[in-house]
Amino acid sequence: MENVHVSIEKYIDLVSNRTDPRSEWDWTEAFDALMNDPAVQVFLPPGAYRVRFPKAITKLKTINGEGATLYSRGALNLEAHGIRIIGLTIAGKTTNGVQLSEGHGITLLGVNDIEIIRCNIQDINQNAIQFSNQVNYSSNIKIDSCKINNIGISTANIETEGMGIYVQHAKNVLITNSV
């Protein structure tokens, strides 16, 4: 794997609706291409990126997103060990108030050695961060300096949905400096 920083801008040609205002661009195909790029270090420059989730990250990645916001319909599913997400905002509602979120913000699916650092997760219909997989527990998870706001907007099951961080099916989870 290459150890270079690759930007989502490398794949801007995959954004089909670039005649629309940039805030309306659909970055889904560009995001998929970035996650499939052989580079481990990827970044989203400051700005807004609308994507159609749920999307799976199935390769080792460090996603640097300081100043970037992913506006999403569903969860960012972490399915590879060693993923790091730094400084990214995941929002379920656009700046003009359109509610997109239909699920969780981030879902961990039986993965190990994950770091979620300085992220903001907001306006999500269900849980901000969800641990899912009853067979293969996620382990060695670090969540640090994250902000979680306006979660559980339209959930019917408040016992398991609408929580900031729902830790079930996990071992060795460290949550620090997060609100």
Foldseek 3Di string as FASTA:
>chain_A
DDADEAELVVVVVVFDPVVDPPLPTESAVSVVVQLVDPHQHYEYEADEHEYEDPDERQDRHEYEYANYEYAYAEEPEYNEENYEYERYEYEQAGPVGRGRYDYEHYEYELYENYEYYNYEYERHQWEPYYYDDQPRAYEHYEYEQYEYYHFNVDDPDNVQIRYHHRDDRYYHYHYYNYD
